[in-house]
Protein backbone atom coordinates (compact mmCIF):
# COMPACT_ATOMS: atom_id res chain seq x y z
CA UNK A 1 -25.53 -7.59 -35.42
CA UNK A 2 -25.79 -3.83 -34.49
CA UNK A 3 -22.79 -1.67 -36.06
CA UNK A 4 -20.86 1.25 -34.62
CA UNK A 5 -22.91 3.50 -36.76
CA UNK A 6 -26.07 3.06 -34.71
CA UNK A 7 -23.87 4.43 -31.65
CA UNK A 8 -23.99 7.74 -33.16
CA UNK A 9 -27.83 7.79 -32.88
CA UNK A 10 -27.39 8.32 -29.09
CA UNK A 11 -23.80 9.69 -28.84
CA UNK A 12 -20.40 8.11 -28.97
CA UNK A 13 -19.93 6.87 -25.22
CA UNK A 14 -16.95 8.56 -23.52
CA UNK A 15 -14.82 6.90 -20.97
CA UNK A 16 -16.18 8.98 -18.18
CA UNK A 17 -19.82 7.77 -19.20
CA UNK A 18 -18.79 4.16 -18.99
CA UNK A 19 -16.98 4.74 -15.66
CA UNK A 20 -19.97 6.44 -14.21
CA UNK A 21 -22.02 3.45 -15.30
CA UNK A 22 -19.86 0.78 -14.01
CA UNK A 23 -19.54 2.47 -10.49
CA UNK A 24 -23.40 1.93 -9.78
CA UNK A 25 -23.97 -1.42 -8.01
CA UNK A 26 -26.94 -1.91 -10.40
CA UNK A 27 -24.54 -2.27 -13.21
CA UNK A 28 -23.86 -5.58 -12.29
CA UNK A 29 -25.80 -9.21 -12.54
CA UNK A 30 -25.63 -9.89 -8.93
CA UNK A 31 -26.38 -6.35 -7.51
CA UNK A 32 -23.42 -5.83 -4.98
CA UNK A 33 -24.02 -3.45 -2.26
CA UNK A 34 -21.73 -0.91 -3.29
CA UNK A 35 -18.97 -0.67 -5.80
CA UNK A 36 -15.21 0.57 -4.76
CA UNK A 37 -13.50 2.38 -8.04
CA UNK A 38 -9.85 2.62 -8.44
CA UNK A 39 -7.95 4.17 -11.16
CA UNK A 40 -4.57 3.02 -12.56
CA UNK A 41 -2.18 4.13 -15.12
CA UNK A 42 -3.77 2.19 -17.85
CA UNK A 43 -7.23 0.97 -16.29
CA UNK A 44 -10.19 1.55 -14.28
CA UNK A 45 -10.84 -1.22 -11.83
CA UNK A 46 -14.31 -1.75 -10.14
CA UNK A 47 -14.69 -4.07 -7.12
CA UNK A 48 -18.16 -5.29 -7.10
CA UNK A 49 -19.31 -7.90 -4.54
CA UNK A 50 -17.31 -11.03 -5.21
CA UNK A 51 -16.06 -9.86 -8.48
CA UNK A 52 -13.58 -7.41 -10.11
CA UNK A 53 -14.33 -5.56 -13.27
CA UNK A 54 -11.37 -4.08 -15.35
CA UNK A 55 -11.88 -1.44 -18.11
CA UNK A 56 -8.98 -0.58 -20.03
CA UNK A 57 -8.36 3.29 -20.74
CA UNK A 58 -8.46 4.47 -24.45
CA UNK A 59 -4.67 5.15 -24.45
CA UNK A 60 -1.44 4.86 -26.55
CA UNK A 61 1.55 4.95 -24.90
CA UNK A 62 5.54 4.16 -25.81
CA UNK A 63 4.92 0.53 -24.39
CA UNK A 64 0.97 -0.18 -25.03
CA UNK A 65 -1.46 0.66 -27.46
CA UNK A 66 -5.18 0.50 -26.48
CA UNK A 67 -6.52 3.21 -28.52
CA UNK A 68 -8.93 1.33 -30.34
CA UNK A 69 -12.01 -0.94 -29.47
CA UNK A 70 -10.20 -4.01 -31.25
CA UNK A 71 -6.89 -3.31 -29.50
CA UNK A 72 -8.54 -3.41 -26.07
CA UNK A 73 -10.57 -6.43 -26.87
CA UNK A 74 -7.00 -8.27 -28.05
CA UNK A 75 -5.51 -6.84 -24.74
CA UNK A 76 -8.42 -8.19 -22.59
CA UNK A 77 -8.23 -11.65 -24.07
CA UNK A 78 -4.45 -11.71 -23.68
CA UNK A 79 -4.91 -10.80 -20.01
CA UNK A 80 -7.36 -13.52 -19.42
CA UNK A 81 -4.95 -16.18 -21.29
CA UNK A 82 -1.55 -15.07 -19.97
CA UNK A 83 -2.62 -14.61 -16.28
CA UNK A 84 -4.39 -17.92 -16.02
CA UNK A 85 -0.71 -19.13 -16.01
CA UNK A 86 -0.30 -18.00 -12.48
CA UNK A 87 -3.40 -17.19 -11.34
CA UNK A 88 -5.74 -19.94 -12.59
CA UNK A 89 -9.51 -19.60 -12.26
CA UNK A 90 -9.01 -16.17 -10.46
CA UNK A 91 -9.59 -14.85 -14.27
CA UNK A 92 -12.92 -15.85 -15.18
CA UNK A 93 -13.88 -14.22 -18.58
CA UNK A 94 -13.69 -11.32 -20.93
CA UNK A 95 -17.33 -9.91 -21.62
CA UNK A 96 -18.44 -6.98 -23.54
CA UNK A 97 -19.86 -3.64 -22.56
CA UNK A 98 -22.80 -2.94 -24.47
CA UNK A 99 -24.87 0.05 -25.46
CA UNK A 100 -28.45 0.70 -26.58
CA UNK A 101 -31.03 3.65 -26.76
CA UNK A 102 -31.69 2.55 -23.08
CA UNK A 103 -28.34 2.72 -21.82
CA UNK A 104 -25.35 0.47 -20.96
CA UNK A 105 -25.29 -3.18 -20.05
CA UNK A 106 -22.61 -5.78 -19.13
CA UNK A 107 -22.76 -8.71 -21.94
CA UNK A 108 -26.31 -7.29 -22.77
CA UNK A 109 -28.13 -6.50 -26.03
CA UNK A 110 -26.86 -3.62 -28.25
CA UNK A 111 -23.52 -2.56 -29.90
CA UNK A 112 -20.32 -3.52 -28.19
CA UNK A 113 -18.67 -0.33 -26.94
CA UNK A 114 -15.84 -1.81 -24.95
CA UNK A 115 -14.61 -5.09 -23.23
CA UNK A 116 -14.32 -6.09 -19.70
CA UNK A 117 -11.91 -8.49 -17.99
CA UNK A 118 -13.86 -10.34 -15.11
CA UNK A 119 -11.77 -11.60 -12.05
CA UNK A 120 -12.96 -13.48 -8.87
CA UNK A 121 -12.14 -10.96 -5.98
CA UNK A 122 -9.43 -12.26 -3.73
CA UNK A 123 -9.32 -11.83 0.00
CA UNK A 124 -6.81 -8.59 0.59
CA UNK A 125 -5.59 -10.37 3.86
CA UNK A 126 -3.90 -12.67 1.59
CA UNK A 127 -1.73 -10.46 -0.45
CA UNK A 128 1.68 -10.40 0.23
CA UNK A 129 2.11 -6.85 0.92
CA UNK A 130 -0.58 -7.03 3.60
CA UNK A 131 1.23 -10.13 5.06
CA UNK A 132 4.48 -8.16 5.39
CA UNK A 133 2.84 -5.00 6.66
CA UNK A 134 0.65 -7.12 9.38
CA UNK A 135 3.92 -9.04 10.27
CA UNK A 136 2.09 -12.33 9.42
CA UNK A 137 5.02 -13.23 7.10
CA UNK A 138 6.63 -16.80 7.81
CA UNK A 139 9.03 -19.38 5.89
CA UNK A 140 5.85 -21.26 4.96
CA UNK A 141 4.91 -18.58 2.74
CA UNK A 142 8.39 -18.05 1.01
CA UNK A 143 8.26 -21.94 0.42
CA UNK A 144 5.06 -22.04 -1.32
CA UNK A 145 5.82 -19.23 -3.35
CA UNK A 146 9.27 -20.80 -4.39
CA UNK A 147 7.37 -23.87 -5.45
CA UNK A 148 4.84 -22.13 -7.75
CA UNK A 149 7.36 -20.10 -9.22
CA UNK A 150 10.09 -22.87 -10.02
CA UNK A 151 7.15 -24.88 -11.59
CA UNK A 152 6.37 -21.93 -13.84
CA UNK A 153 9.64 -21.16 -14.74
CA UNK A 154 10.63 -24.64 -15.71
CA UNK A 155 7.64 -24.59 -18.11
CA UNK A 156 7.56 -21.29 -19.55
CA UNK A 157 8.11 -20.60 -22.94
CA UNK A 158 11.59 -20.01 -23.66
CA UNK A 159 12.57 -16.60 -25.56
CA UNK A 160 15.26 -16.79 -28.21
CA UNK A 161 17.19 -13.53 -28.60
CA UNK A 162 20.53 -12.72 -30.17
CA UNK A 163 23.31 -11.89 -27.95
CA UNK A 164 23.99 -8.91 -30.04
CA UNK A 165 20.31 -7.66 -29.59
CA UNK A 166 20.23 -8.34 -25.87
CA UNK A 167 23.58 -6.45 -25.19
CA UNK A 168 22.23 -3.44 -27.19
CA UNK A 169 19.07 -3.63 -25.28
CA UNK A 170 20.73 -3.49 -21.87
CA UNK A 171 22.95 -0.60 -23.04
CA UNK A 172 19.77 1.21 -24.37
CA UNK A 173 18.08 0.76 -20.85
CA UNK A 174 20.70 1.88 -18.96
CA UNK A 175 20.84 4.91 -20.95
CA UNK A 176 17.54 5.89 -20.91
CA UNK A 177 17.53 5.53 -17.06
CA UNK A 178 20.75 7.79 -16.65
CA UNK A 179 19.26 10.39 -19.16
CA UNK A 180 15.73 10.57 -17.38
CA UNK A 181 17.22 10.24 -13.53
CA UNK A 182 20.07 13.24 -14.56
CA UNK A 183 17.34 15.58 -15.99
CA UNK A 184 17.98 18.99 -14.45
CA UNK A 185 14.32 19.25 -13.34
CA UNK A 186 14.66 16.53 -10.82
CA UNK A 187 15.99 17.50 -7.32
CA UNK A 188 18.09 14.25 -7.56
CA UNK A 189 21.83 13.89 -6.13
CA UNK A 190 23.83 13.73 -9.72
CA UNK A 191 26.77 12.40 -8.21
CA UNK A 192 24.96 9.42 -6.62
CA UNK A 193 23.03 8.76 -9.99
CA UNK A 194 26.62 8.71 -11.88
CA UNK A 195 28.27 6.50 -9.41
CA UNK A 196 25.29 3.98 -10.00
CA UNK A 197 25.14 4.37 -13.41
CA UNK A 198 28.90 3.78 -13.75
CA UNK A 199 28.86 0.47 -11.73
CA UNK A 200 25.99 -0.65 -13.73
CA UNK A 201 27.70 -0.10 -17.05
CA UNK A 202 30.88 -1.53 -15.92
CA UNK A 203 29.16 -4.77 -15.01
CA UNK A 204 27.74 -4.86 -18.46
CA UNK A 205 30.80 -4.07 -20.14
CA UNK A 206 32.67 -6.76 -18.14
CA UNK A 207 30.12 -9.52 -17.63
CA UNK A 208 28.26 -9.18 -21.06
CA UNK A 209 29.23 -12.77 -22.17
CA UNK A 210 27.45 -14.37 -19.08
CA UNK A 211 24.83 -11.67 -19.05
CA UNK A 212 23.54 -12.23 -22.51
CA UNK A 213 23.74 -16.23 -22.36
CA UNK A 214 21.22 -16.17 -19.42
CA UNK A 215 18.07 -18.12 -20.24
CA UNK A 216 14.98 -15.78 -20.91
CA UNK A 217 11.29 -17.04 -20.54
CA UNK A 218 7.99 -15.33 -21.08
CA UNK A 219 7.44 -14.78 -17.59
CA UNK A 220 5.23 -12.22 -15.38
CA UNK A 221 6.81 -9.01 -16.07
CA UNK A 222 5.86 -7.36 -13.04
CA UNK A 223 6.31 -9.43 -9.96
CA UNK A 224 5.30 -7.22 -6.73
CA UNK A 225 4.04 -7.79 -3.39
CA UNK A 226 0.53 -6.75 -4.41
CA UNK A 227 0.49 -9.10 -7.27
CA UNK A 228 1.10 -12.16 -5.10
CA UNK A 229 -1.75 -13.85 -3.01
CA UNK A 230 -1.62 -16.64 -0.36
CA UNK A 231 -5.01 -18.82 0.04
CA UNK A 232 -5.83 -22.40 -0.99
CA UNK A 233 -3.14 -21.85 -3.53
CA UNK A 234 -0.72 -19.13 -4.43
CA UNK A 235 -2.00 -17.19 -7.06
CA UNK A 236 -0.06 -14.14 -8.75
CA UNK A 237 -2.20 -11.94 -10.73
CA UNK A 238 -1.63 -8.76 -13.22
CA UNK A 239 1.23 -9.70 -15.41
CA UNK A 240 2.17 -7.43 -18.29
CA UNK A 241 -0.04 -8.75 -20.99
CA UNK A 242 0.24 -5.71 -23.26
CA UNK A 243 3.90 -6.27 -23.97
CA UNK A 244 5.85 -9.44 -24.70
CA UNK A 245 9.09 -7.83 -24.65
CA UNK A 246 8.75 -6.54 -21.05
CA UNK A 247 7.68 -9.87 -20.25
CA UNK A 248 10.80 -11.67 -21.82
CA UNK A 249 12.88 -11.93 -18.57
CA UNK A 250 15.73 -13.70 -16.99
CA UNK A 251 13.68 -15.34 -13.85
CA UNK A 252 16.46 -14.23 -11.56
CA UNK A 253 15.77 -10.84 -12.68
CA UNK A 254 12.19 -11.01 -11.83
CA UNK A 255 12.89 -12.50 -8.67
CA UNK A 256 15.45 -9.72 -7.90
CA UNK A 257 12.61 -7.23 -8.43
CA UNK A 258 10.22 -8.90 -5.94
CA UNK A 259 13.21 -9.10 -3.39
CA UNK A 260 13.75 -5.32 -3.74
CA UNK A 261 9.91 -4.94 -3.13
CA UNK A 262 10.31 -6.72 -0.07
CA UNK A 263 13.10 -5.22 1.29
CA UNK A 264 11.22 -1.61 0.93
CA UNK A 265 8.64 -3.37 2.89
CA UNK A 266 11.10 -4.49 5.60
CA UNK A 267 11.14 -8.15 4.63
CA UNK A 268 14.78 -8.36 3.40
CA UNK A 269 14.91 -12.00 4.26
CA UNK A 270 11.94 -13.04 2.29
CA UNK A 271 13.45 -12.33 -0.96
CA UNK A 272 16.94 -13.74 -0.11
CA UNK A 273 15.33 -17.10 0.84
CA UNK A 274 13.08 -17.14 -2.17
CA UNK A 275 16.15 -16.51 -4.43
CA UNK A 276 17.66 -19.51 -2.80
CA UNK A 277 15.14 -21.84 -2.82
CA UNK A 278 14.47 -21.05 -6.43
CA UNK A 279 18.12 -21.43 -7.45
CA UNK A 280 18.14 -24.66 -5.86
CA UNK A 281 14.96 -26.02 -7.52
CA UNK A 282 16.24 -24.70 -11.01
CA UNK A 283 19.85 -25.97 -10.64
CA UNK A 284 20.81 -22.21 -11.34
CA UNK A 285 24.28 -21.28 -10.08
CA UNK A 286 24.56 -17.65 -10.93
CA UNK A 287 26.78 -15.68 -8.92
CA UNK A 288 25.66 -13.11 -6.16
CA UNK A 289 27.17 -10.24 -8.41
CA UNK A 290 24.44 -10.80 -11.16
CA UNK A 291 21.66 -10.96 -8.83
CA UNK A 292 23.08 -7.46 -6.99
CA UNK A 293 23.34 -6.35 -10.59
CA UNK A 294 19.54 -6.86 -11.43
CA UNK A 295 18.30 -5.93 -8.14
CA UNK A 296 20.22 -2.30 -8.41
CA UNK A 297 19.09 -1.89 -11.67
CA UNK A 298 15.61 -2.63 -10.59
CA UNK A 299 16.22 -0.02 -7.96
CA UNK A 300 16.96 2.49 -10.48
CA UNK A 301 13.94 1.71 -12.53
CA UNK A 302 11.55 2.16 -9.45
CA UNK A 303 13.04 5.53 -8.96
CA UNK A 304 12.42 6.49 -12.50
CA UNK A 305 8.80 4.98 -12.63
CA UNK A 306 7.92 6.89 -9.34
CA UNK A 307 9.47 10.04 -10.41
CA UNK A 308 7.30 9.68 -14.08
CA UNK A 309 4.15 9.36 -12.10
CA UNK A 310 4.93 12.72 -10.40
CA UNK A 311 5.83 14.44 -13.42
CA UNK A 312 2.03 13.63 -14.87
CA UNK A 313 -0.20 16.66 -15.30
CA UNK A 314 -2.72 15.11 -12.75
CA UNK A 315 -1.02 13.20 -10.25
CA UNK A 316 -2.93 10.26 -8.59
CA UNK A 317 -2.18 9.25 -4.93
CA UNK A 318 0.55 12.04 -5.05
CA UNK A 319 1.89 10.46 -1.42
CA UNK A 320 2.47 7.24 -2.83
CA UNK A 321 5.19 7.87 -5.50
CA UNK A 322 8.06 9.46 -3.07
CA UNK A 323 7.70 6.50 -0.96
CA UNK A 324 7.92 4.08 -3.94
CA UNK A 325 10.84 5.84 -5.26
CA UNK A 326 13.02 5.59 -2.42
CA UNK A 327 14.39 1.78 -2.53
CA UNK A 328 17.39 0.40 -1.15
CA UNK A 329 20.36 -0.12 -3.70
CA UNK A 330 23.11 -0.93 -1.26
CA UNK A 331 25.54 -4.01 -2.16
CA UNK A 332 26.34 -3.56 -5.65
CA UNK A 333 30.22 -2.56 -6.31
């Protein structure tokens, strides 16, 4: 088996060289007519015919580490395994990106220089975000998704966490949000930020026993309309495979996030009905105040993440983040 020393003979491949190769139709086994390239915060995504190939960036961030080939392989294999829980055969394989003197190849001979997640390409007309935007949303979509998620949450791995540690995590999370959103460099209304922060802290203080006793599962972690697809079955893609802590979640919190995102798109009724159907299916009698707490905290997180993207040295899709940072948070005391 060739070792990495042989790569030095023709140059250690940069991420730019890998992206350039994977942007070419002739790079792929089925030679698609063209390749659409999309960049995310942590990956490059290549839409090639009826397949999607994902290449992870060699980055290290506070919440993930893709800095080495071995770590990227592990992350790719975790992505395949964890996403099959809710997306099934959409996630097909993990294959090596190889290099020899003649050049790169997908699953070819030579040295493995990176790893790719291979997915079946889904029809974008089936994406929940597109369905809402097109005005095609119906109750049947809610009911199908509720059934899918209820089954998932019932059988998801239970996460055990000490009450003291959970409470400490909540306090730290709110403190991080507050510190970030009150940064004097940001043109945000400080009074509104402080008011929301006080309400959230007050809830944690008053309702901490009930909050920390909620059942946590190894969930999806990033349940948004662009990750939910309707077709022959309901498929939910792109879970947070890289961080188990971020996936450790109260199902009600995860539903509140999807509700918030649907409200942003103008479909407030969708999240409300979904919450009721799942609560019935799981026999969850949590009060409305807990749900509103989760949704409000998700709104502050959405604003924080959108602003973080705007503060990057090189902003991708700059028009996108102000829109995503503006989310409804009314209803929480």
